[in-house]
Amino acid sequence: MTLPSSGPISINDVCAEYGVPNNTPFPSGFYGKPGFPSSGPWGLSDCYGLSNVVFTPDGGSAAGSAPSGTASVTLSCNFAATWTYSISSGTSTGTSVSIGSGGSATSITFNLAAPGTGTRTTVWTVTGVSNGVTRNFTVTLDAGS
């Protein structure tokens, strides 16, 4: 779960979110973890809204293209996520997805095969949810020449 965005916050809350022992030195024991800098001063008040869940990319748009063969895009999360998606434009012809909508995995790959002649474009609207963290994506694939 994401740390609270306001109100009381404790080192125990931060340790629980990041899965580290309560005696982990603060802030040095957290340097380089998601949301933390690699060095320098850092206080508990800087932890509001942080999460140990990392999506790659961190939401937004992802695109792939292939003049021949198959265009693909992979979205991932450092924890298992539930992925839901639908085609928002384009064709389902030549498409495949590594897991079914509503399935759970640490990554999901979208594929679009190039047609024999011409081009295909497909756009998916995707949501990934893991440990209370939600990210939204638009995946656009172009295949063909």
N, C-alpha and C. Protein backbone atom coordinates (compact mmCIF):
# COMPACT_ATOMS: atom_id res chain seq x y z
N MET A 1 0.84 -1.18 0.00
CA MET A 1 0.00 0.00 0.00
C MET A 1 0.89 1.25 0.00
N THR A 2 0.39 2.29 -0.57
CA THR A 2 1.10 3.56 -0.58
C THR A 2 1.04 4.20 0.80
N LEU A 3 2.13 4.85 1.20
CA LEU A 3 2.13 5.56 2.48
C LEU A 3 1.11 6.70 2.42
N PRO A 4 0.58 7.11 3.58
CA PRO A 4 -0.44 8.17 3.57
C PRO A 4 0.11 9.45 2.98
N SER A 5 -0.79 10.28 2.44
CA SER A 5 -0.37 11.55 1.85
C SER A 5 -0.40 12.69 2.85
N SER A 6 -0.96 12.44 4.03
CA SER A 6 -0.98 13.46 5.09
C SER A 6 -1.23 12.76 6.42
N GLY A 7 -1.13 13.54 7.49
CA GLY A 7 -1.38 13.00 8.82
C GLY A 7 -0.15 12.35 9.41
N PRO A 8 -0.35 11.57 10.48
CA PRO A 8 0.79 10.95 11.15
C PRO A 8 1.47 9.91 10.26
N ILE A 9 2.79 9.88 10.33
CA ILE A 9 3.57 8.88 9.63
C ILE A 9 4.75 8.53 10.54
N SER A 10 5.11 7.25 10.57
CA SER A 10 6.19 6.82 11.45
C SER A 10 7.21 6.01 10.67
N ILE A 11 8.36 5.84 11.26
CA ILE A 11 9.39 5.01 10.65
C ILE A 11 8.89 3.58 10.50
N ASN A 12 8.03 3.12 11.41
CA ASN A 12 7.45 1.78 11.29
C ASN A 12 6.58 1.67 10.03
N ASP A 13 5.84 2.74 9.71
CA ASP A 13 5.03 2.75 8.49
C ASP A 13 5.93 2.62 7.26
N VAL A 14 7.03 3.37 7.25
CA VAL A 14 7.94 3.36 6.10
C VAL A 14 8.61 1.98 5.98
N CYS A 15 9.04 1.43 7.09
CA CYS A 15 9.66 0.10 7.07
C CYS A 15 8.69 -0.95 6.55
N ALA A 16 7.44 -0.88 6.99
CA ALA A 16 6.43 -1.85 6.53
C ALA A 16 6.20 -1.73 5.03
N GLU A 17 6.12 -0.50 4.52
CA GLU A 17 5.90 -0.31 3.09
C GLU A 17 7.03 -0.90 2.26
N TYR A 18 8.26 -0.74 2.75
CA TYR A 18 9.42 -1.19 1.98
C TYR A 18 9.91 -2.57 2.37
N GLY A 19 9.22 -3.22 3.32
CA GLY A 19 9.56 -4.58 3.68
C GLY A 19 10.93 -4.72 4.30
N VAL A 20 11.33 -3.75 5.11
CA VAL A 20 12.64 -3.80 5.76
C VAL A 20 12.44 -3.86 7.28
N PRO A 21 13.44 -4.35 8.02
CA PRO A 21 13.32 -4.42 9.48
C PRO A 21 13.16 -3.03 10.10
N ASN A 22 12.46 -2.96 11.23
CA ASN A 22 12.23 -1.68 11.91
C ASN A 22 13.51 -1.01 12.39
N ASN A 23 14.61 -1.76 12.50
CA ASN A 23 15.87 -1.16 12.94
C ASN A 23 16.73 -0.66 11.77
N THR A 24 16.16 -0.60 10.56
CA THR A 24 16.89 -0.10 9.40
C THR A 24 17.23 1.37 9.61
N PRO A 25 18.50 1.77 9.45
CA PRO A 25 18.87 3.17 9.66
C PRO A 25 18.13 4.09 8.71
N PHE A 26 17.63 5.19 9.26
CA PHE A 26 16.91 6.16 8.44
C PHE A 26 17.71 7.46 8.39
N PRO A 27 17.95 8.04 7.27
CA PRO A 27 17.45 7.67 5.96
C PRO A 27 18.38 6.77 5.15
N SER A 28 19.61 6.55 5.61
CA SER A 28 20.61 5.86 4.79
C SER A 28 20.17 4.47 4.34
N GLY A 29 19.41 3.76 5.15
CA GLY A 29 18.96 2.42 4.77
C GLY A 29 17.94 2.41 3.66
N PHE A 30 17.44 3.57 3.29
CA PHE A 30 16.42 3.66 2.25
C PHE A 30 16.93 4.28 0.96
N TYR A 31 18.17 4.78 0.96
CA TYR A 31 18.72 5.39 -0.25
C TYR A 31 18.61 4.43 -1.43
N GLY A 32 18.15 4.96 -2.56
CA GLY A 32 18.05 4.18 -3.78
C GLY A 32 16.77 3.37 -3.90
N LYS A 33 15.99 3.26 -2.85
CA LYS A 33 14.71 2.56 -2.94
C LYS A 33 13.73 3.46 -3.68
N PRO A 34 12.64 2.88 -4.24
CA PRO A 34 11.70 3.70 -5.00
C PRO A 34 11.21 4.92 -4.22
N GLY A 35 11.38 6.10 -4.82
CA GLY A 35 10.94 7.35 -4.21
C GLY A 35 11.99 8.04 -3.37
N PHE A 36 13.08 7.34 -3.05
CA PHE A 36 14.13 7.92 -2.21
C PHE A 36 15.32 8.34 -3.06
N PRO A 37 16.02 9.41 -2.65
CA PRO A 37 17.24 9.79 -3.37
C PRO A 37 18.36 8.78 -3.08
N SER A 38 19.46 8.90 -3.79
CA SER A 38 20.58 7.99 -3.55
C SER A 38 21.49 8.48 -2.43
N SER A 39 21.31 9.72 -2.00
CA SER A 39 22.10 10.25 -0.88
C SER A 39 21.47 11.56 -0.41
N GLY A 40 22.01 12.11 0.66
CA GLY A 40 21.57 13.41 1.14
C GLY A 40 20.53 13.32 2.24
N PRO A 41 20.17 14.48 2.77
CA PRO A 41 19.21 14.50 3.87
C PRO A 41 17.81 14.11 3.40
N TRP A 42 17.07 13.49 4.31
CA TRP A 42 15.74 13.00 3.98
C TRP A 42 15.00 12.81 5.28
N GLY A 43 13.80 13.31 5.38
CA GLY A 43 13.04 13.19 6.62
C GLY A 43 11.75 12.43 6.42
N LEU A 44 11.11 12.06 7.52
CA LEU A 44 9.84 11.34 7.44
C LEU A 44 8.79 12.11 6.65
N SER A 45 8.81 13.44 6.76
CA SER A 45 7.81 14.23 6.04
C SER A 45 7.98 14.10 4.53
N ASP A 46 9.14 13.65 4.07
CA ASP A 46 9.37 13.45 2.63
C ASP A 46 8.80 12.11 2.15
N CYS A 47 8.30 11.30 3.07
CA CYS A 47 7.81 9.96 2.73
C CYS A 47 6.33 9.94 2.38
N TYR A 48 5.62 11.05 2.57
CA TYR A 48 4.20 11.06 2.26
C TYR A 48 3.94 10.65 0.81
N GLY A 49 3.03 9.71 0.62
CA GLY A 49 2.63 9.28 -0.71
C GLY A 49 3.57 8.32 -1.40
N LEU A 50 4.69 7.94 -0.77
CA LEU A 50 5.64 7.02 -1.41
C LEU A 50 5.10 5.60 -1.42
N SER A 51 5.60 4.81 -2.36
CA SER A 51 5.23 3.41 -2.46
C SER A 51 6.42 2.60 -2.95
N ASN A 52 6.49 1.37 -2.50
CA ASN A 52 7.53 0.45 -2.94
C ASN A 52 7.16 -0.21 -4.28
N VAL A 53 5.97 0.06 -4.79
CA VAL A 53 5.51 -0.51 -6.05
C VAL A 53 6.04 0.35 -7.20
N VAL A 54 6.69 -0.30 -8.17
CA VAL A 54 7.26 0.42 -9.31
C VAL A 54 6.75 -0.21 -10.60
N PHE A 55 6.05 0.60 -11.39
CA PHE A 55 5.65 0.19 -12.73
C PHE A 55 6.65 0.75 -13.72
N THR A 56 6.96 -0.03 -14.77
CA THR A 56 7.88 0.42 -15.81
C THR A 56 7.21 0.21 -17.16
N PRO A 57 6.92 1.31 -17.88
CA PRO A 57 7.07 2.70 -17.46
C PRO A 57 6.08 3.02 -16.35
N ASP A 58 6.17 4.22 -15.81
CA ASP A 58 5.34 4.60 -14.68
C ASP A 58 4.01 5.21 -15.15
N GLY A 59 3.32 4.48 -16.02
CA GLY A 59 2.07 4.97 -16.58
C GLY A 59 2.34 5.79 -17.82
N GLY A 60 1.28 6.27 -18.44
CA GLY A 60 1.42 7.09 -19.63
C GLY A 60 1.40 6.28 -20.91
N SER A 61 2.15 6.71 -21.89
CA SER A 61 2.13 6.09 -23.21
C SER A 61 3.34 5.20 -23.43
N ALA A 62 3.10 4.11 -24.14
CA ALA A 62 4.17 3.20 -24.57
C ALA A 62 3.86 2.81 -26.01
N ALA A 63 4.88 2.81 -26.85
CA ALA A 63 4.65 2.53 -28.26
C ALA A 63 5.72 1.61 -28.82
N GLY A 64 5.33 0.86 -29.83
CA GLY A 64 6.27 0.00 -30.54
C GLY A 64 5.89 -0.05 -32.00
N SER A 65 6.89 -0.25 -32.85
CA SER A 65 6.61 -0.37 -34.28
C SER A 65 7.58 -1.36 -34.90
N ALA A 66 7.12 -1.96 -35.99
CA ALA A 66 7.95 -2.89 -36.74
C ALA A 66 7.52 -2.82 -38.20
N PRO A 67 8.45 -2.51 -39.12
CA PRO A 67 8.08 -2.47 -40.53
C PRO A 67 7.73 -3.86 -41.07
N SER A 68 8.31 -4.88 -40.48
CA SER A 68 7.96 -6.26 -40.82
C SER A 68 8.10 -7.06 -39.53
N GLY A 69 7.48 -8.18 -39.46
CA GLY A 69 7.53 -8.96 -38.23
C GLY A 69 6.47 -8.49 -37.25
N THR A 70 6.82 -8.46 -35.96
CA THR A 70 5.84 -8.16 -34.92
C THR A 70 6.31 -7.00 -34.05
N ALA A 71 5.45 -6.01 -33.89
CA ALA A 71 5.72 -4.90 -32.97
C ALA A 71 5.25 -5.34 -31.59
N SER A 72 5.98 -4.95 -30.55
CA SER A 72 5.57 -5.35 -29.21
C SER A 72 5.97 -4.30 -28.18
N VAL A 73 5.24 -4.31 -27.06
CA VAL A 73 5.51 -3.46 -25.91
C VAL A 73 5.27 -4.31 -24.67
N THR A 74 6.19 -4.22 -23.71
CA THR A 74 6.03 -4.90 -22.43
C THR A 74 5.94 -3.86 -21.33
N LEU A 75 4.92 -4.02 -20.48
CA LEU A 75 4.76 -3.22 -19.26
C LEU A 75 5.09 -4.13 -18.10
N SER A 76 5.72 -3.60 -17.04
CA SER A 76 6.08 -4.47 -15.92
C SER A 76 5.89 -3.77 -14.59
N CYS A 77 5.90 -4.58 -13.54
CA CYS A 77 5.76 -4.10 -12.17
C CYS A 77 6.66 -4.98 -11.30
N ASN A 78 7.24 -4.41 -10.25
CA ASN A 78 8.12 -5.20 -9.40
C ASN A 78 7.36 -6.13 -8.47
N PHE A 79 6.03 -6.04 -8.43
CA PHE A 79 5.16 -6.98 -7.73
C PHE A 79 4.12 -7.45 -8.74
N ALA A 80 3.47 -8.57 -8.48
CA ALA A 80 2.40 -9.02 -9.37
C ALA A 80 1.32 -7.94 -9.42
N ALA A 81 0.86 -7.66 -10.61
CA ALA A 81 -0.19 -6.66 -10.83
C ALA A 81 -1.35 -7.33 -11.54
N THR A 82 -2.54 -6.80 -11.34
CA THR A 82 -3.70 -7.22 -12.12
C THR A 82 -3.80 -6.26 -13.29
N TRP A 83 -3.80 -6.83 -14.49
CA TRP A 83 -3.78 -6.04 -15.71
C TRP A 83 -5.14 -6.15 -16.40
N THR A 84 -5.78 -5.03 -16.67
CA THR A 84 -7.01 -5.02 -17.46
C THR A 84 -6.77 -4.15 -18.68
N TYR A 85 -7.38 -4.54 -19.78
CA TYR A 85 -7.14 -3.79 -21.01
C TYR A 85 -8.28 -4.01 -22.00
N SER A 86 -8.35 -3.10 -22.96
CA SER A 86 -9.26 -3.24 -24.09
C SER A 86 -8.66 -2.48 -25.26
N ILE A 87 -9.06 -2.87 -26.46
CA ILE A 87 -8.61 -2.15 -27.65
C ILE A 87 -9.48 -0.90 -27.77
N SER A 88 -8.82 0.26 -27.79
CA SER A 88 -9.57 1.51 -27.90
C SER A 88 -9.67 1.99 -29.34
N SER A 89 -8.75 1.55 -30.19
CA SER A 89 -8.87 1.84 -31.62
C SER A 89 -8.00 0.87 -32.40
N GLY A 90 -8.32 0.73 -33.67
CA GLY A 90 -7.57 -0.19 -34.51
C GLY A 90 -8.24 -1.54 -34.57
N THR A 91 -7.46 -2.50 -34.99
CA THR A 91 -7.98 -3.83 -35.24
C THR A 91 -7.44 -4.84 -34.24
N SER A 92 -8.21 -5.90 -34.02
CA SER A 92 -7.70 -7.00 -33.21
C SER A 92 -7.00 -8.04 -34.08
N THR A 93 -7.12 -7.91 -35.40
CA THR A 93 -6.46 -8.84 -36.32
C THR A 93 -4.95 -8.75 -36.14
N GLY A 94 -4.31 -9.87 -35.92
CA GLY A 94 -2.86 -9.91 -35.76
C GLY A 94 -2.36 -9.56 -34.37
N THR A 95 -3.28 -9.39 -33.41
CA THR A 95 -2.86 -9.01 -32.06
C THR A 95 -2.78 -10.22 -31.14
N SER A 96 -1.95 -10.10 -30.14
CA SER A 96 -1.91 -11.07 -29.05
C SER A 96 -1.42 -10.36 -27.80
N VAL A 97 -1.84 -10.87 -26.65
CA VAL A 97 -1.44 -10.32 -25.36
C VAL A 97 -1.01 -11.50 -24.50
N SER A 98 0.05 -11.31 -23.71
CA SER A 98 0.63 -12.43 -22.97
C SER A 98 -0.26 -13.00 -21.87
N ILE A 99 -1.18 -12.20 -21.33
CA ILE A 99 -2.15 -12.69 -20.34
C ILE A 99 -3.51 -12.11 -20.66
N GLY A 100 -4.55 -12.78 -20.21
CA GLY A 100 -5.90 -12.30 -20.44
C GLY A 100 -6.21 -11.09 -19.58
N SER A 101 -7.12 -10.25 -20.05
CA SER A 101 -7.54 -9.08 -19.29
C SER A 101 -8.09 -9.54 -17.94
N GLY A 102 -7.62 -8.91 -16.89
CA GLY A 102 -8.00 -9.30 -15.54
C GLY A 102 -7.03 -10.29 -14.91
N GLY A 103 -6.03 -10.72 -15.68
CA GLY A 103 -5.02 -11.65 -15.18
C GLY A 103 -3.96 -10.95 -14.36
N SER A 104 -3.22 -11.74 -13.60
CA SER A 104 -2.19 -11.20 -12.71
C SER A 104 -0.82 -11.74 -13.10
N ALA A 105 0.15 -10.83 -13.19
CA ALA A 105 1.54 -11.19 -13.51
C ALA A 105 2.41 -9.98 -13.25
N THR A 106 3.73 -10.18 -13.23
CA THR A 106 4.64 -9.05 -13.05
C THR A 106 4.86 -8.28 -14.35
N SER A 107 4.46 -8.85 -15.48
CA SER A 107 4.58 -8.12 -16.74
C SER A 107 3.51 -8.58 -17.71
N ILE A 108 3.27 -7.74 -18.69
CA ILE A 108 2.31 -8.03 -19.74
C ILE A 108 2.91 -7.53 -21.05
N THR A 109 2.78 -8.33 -22.10
CA THR A 109 3.33 -7.96 -23.41
C THR A 109 2.21 -7.92 -24.44
N PHE A 110 2.18 -6.83 -25.19
CA PHE A 110 1.22 -6.63 -26.27
C PHE A 110 1.97 -6.80 -27.59
N ASN A 111 1.38 -7.55 -28.54
CA ASN A 111 1.99 -7.82 -29.83
C ASN A 111 1.04 -7.49 -30.96
N LEU A 112 1.60 -7.03 -32.06
CA LEU A 112 0.84 -6.79 -33.29
C LEU A 112 1.69 -7.24 -34.46
N ALA A 113 1.20 -8.26 -35.19
CA ALA A 113 1.93 -8.81 -36.34
C ALA A 113 1.68 -7.94 -37.57
N ALA A 114 2.73 -7.75 -38.35
CA ALA A 114 2.61 -7.00 -39.60
C ALA A 114 1.79 -7.82 -40.59
N PRO A 115 0.91 -7.16 -41.37
CA PRO A 115 0.17 -7.87 -42.40
C PRO A 115 1.09 -8.17 -43.58
N GLY A 116 0.63 -8.98 -44.51
CA GLY A 116 1.43 -9.29 -45.69
C GLY A 116 1.75 -8.04 -46.48
N THR A 117 0.79 -7.15 -46.62
CA THR A 117 0.99 -5.85 -47.28
C THR A 117 0.26 -4.79 -46.47
N GLY A 118 0.73 -3.58 -46.53
CA GLY A 118 0.09 -2.48 -45.82
C GLY A 118 0.52 -2.40 -44.37
N THR A 119 -0.28 -1.71 -43.57
CA THR A 119 0.05 -1.51 -42.17
C THR A 119 -1.16 -1.80 -41.28
N ARG A 120 -0.86 -2.04 -40.02
CA ARG A 120 -1.89 -2.18 -38.98
C ARG A 120 -1.49 -1.29 -37.82
N THR A 121 -2.47 -0.70 -37.18
CA THR A 121 -2.25 0.05 -35.94
C THR A 121 -3.32 -0.38 -34.95
N THR A 122 -2.89 -0.63 -33.73
CA THR A 122 -3.83 -0.97 -32.66
C THR A 122 -3.43 -0.20 -31.41
N VAL A 123 -4.43 0.35 -30.73
CA VAL A 123 -4.21 1.11 -29.50
C VAL A 123 -5.00 0.44 -28.37
N TRP A 124 -4.30 0.12 -27.29
CA TRP A 124 -4.93 -0.48 -26.12
C TRP A 124 -4.98 0.54 -24.99
N THR A 125 -6.05 0.51 -24.22
CA THR A 125 -6.15 1.24 -22.96
C THR A 125 -5.92 0.21 -21.87
N VAL A 126 -4.92 0.45 -21.01
CA VAL A 126 -4.47 -0.57 -20.05
C VAL A 126 -4.43 0.02 -18.64
N THR A 127 -4.81 -0.78 -17.65
CA THR A 127 -4.69 -0.41 -16.25
C THR A 127 -3.96 -1.53 -15.52
N GLY A 128 -2.96 -1.16 -14.73
CA GLY A 128 -2.26 -2.10 -13.86
C GLY A 128 -2.49 -1.71 -12.41
N VAL A 129 -2.82 -2.69 -11.56
CA VAL A 129 -3.06 -2.43 -10.14
C VAL A 129 -2.24 -3.42 -9.32
N SER A 130 -1.43 -2.90 -8.40
CA SER A 130 -0.63 -3.74 -7.52
C SER A 130 -0.54 -3.11 -6.14
N ASN A 131 -0.89 -3.87 -5.12
CA ASN A 131 -0.78 -3.41 -3.73
C ASN A 131 -1.39 -2.03 -3.52
N GLY A 132 -2.54 -1.79 -4.13
CA GLY A 132 -3.24 -0.52 -3.95
C GLY A 132 -2.74 0.61 -4.83
N VAL A 133 -1.74 0.36 -5.68
CA VAL A 133 -1.20 1.38 -6.58
C VAL A 133 -1.74 1.10 -7.99
N THR A 134 -2.30 2.14 -8.62
CA THR A 134 -2.89 2.01 -9.96
C THR A 134 -2.13 2.87 -10.95
N ARG A 135 -1.85 2.30 -12.10
CA ARG A 135 -1.23 3.06 -13.19
C ARG A 135 -2.05 2.81 -14.46
N ASN A 136 -2.21 3.86 -15.25
CA ASN A 136 -2.95 3.78 -16.52
C ASN A 136 -1.99 4.01 -17.67
N PHE A 137 -2.22 3.25 -18.73
CA PHE A 137 -1.33 3.29 -19.90
C PHE A 137 -2.16 3.36 -21.18
N THR A 138 -1.54 3.91 -22.21
CA THR A 138 -2.03 3.79 -23.58
C THR A 138 -0.90 3.12 -24.35
N VAL A 139 -1.18 1.95 -24.91
CA VAL A 139 -0.19 1.20 -25.68
C VAL A 139 -0.57 1.30 -27.16
N THR A 140 0.36 1.80 -27.97
CA THR A 140 0.13 1.95 -29.40
C THR A 140 1.16 1.11 -30.16
N LEU A 141 0.66 0.24 -31.03
CA LEU A 141 1.56 -0.57 -31.85
C LEU A 141 1.24 -0.34 -33.32
N ASP A 142 2.31 -0.20 -34.13
CA ASP A 142 2.22 -0.07 -35.58
C ASP A 142 3.06 -1.17 -36.19
N ALA A 143 2.47 -1.91 -37.13
CA ALA A 143 3.21 -2.98 -37.79
C ALA A 143 2.92 -2.93 -39.28
N GLY A 144 3.95 -3.14 -40.05
CA GLY A 144 3.82 -3.14 -41.50
C GLY A 144 4.53 -1.97 -42.13
N SER A 145 4.48 -1.95 -43.46
CA SER A 145 5.19 -0.87 -44.18
C SER A 145 4.25 -0.07 -45.03
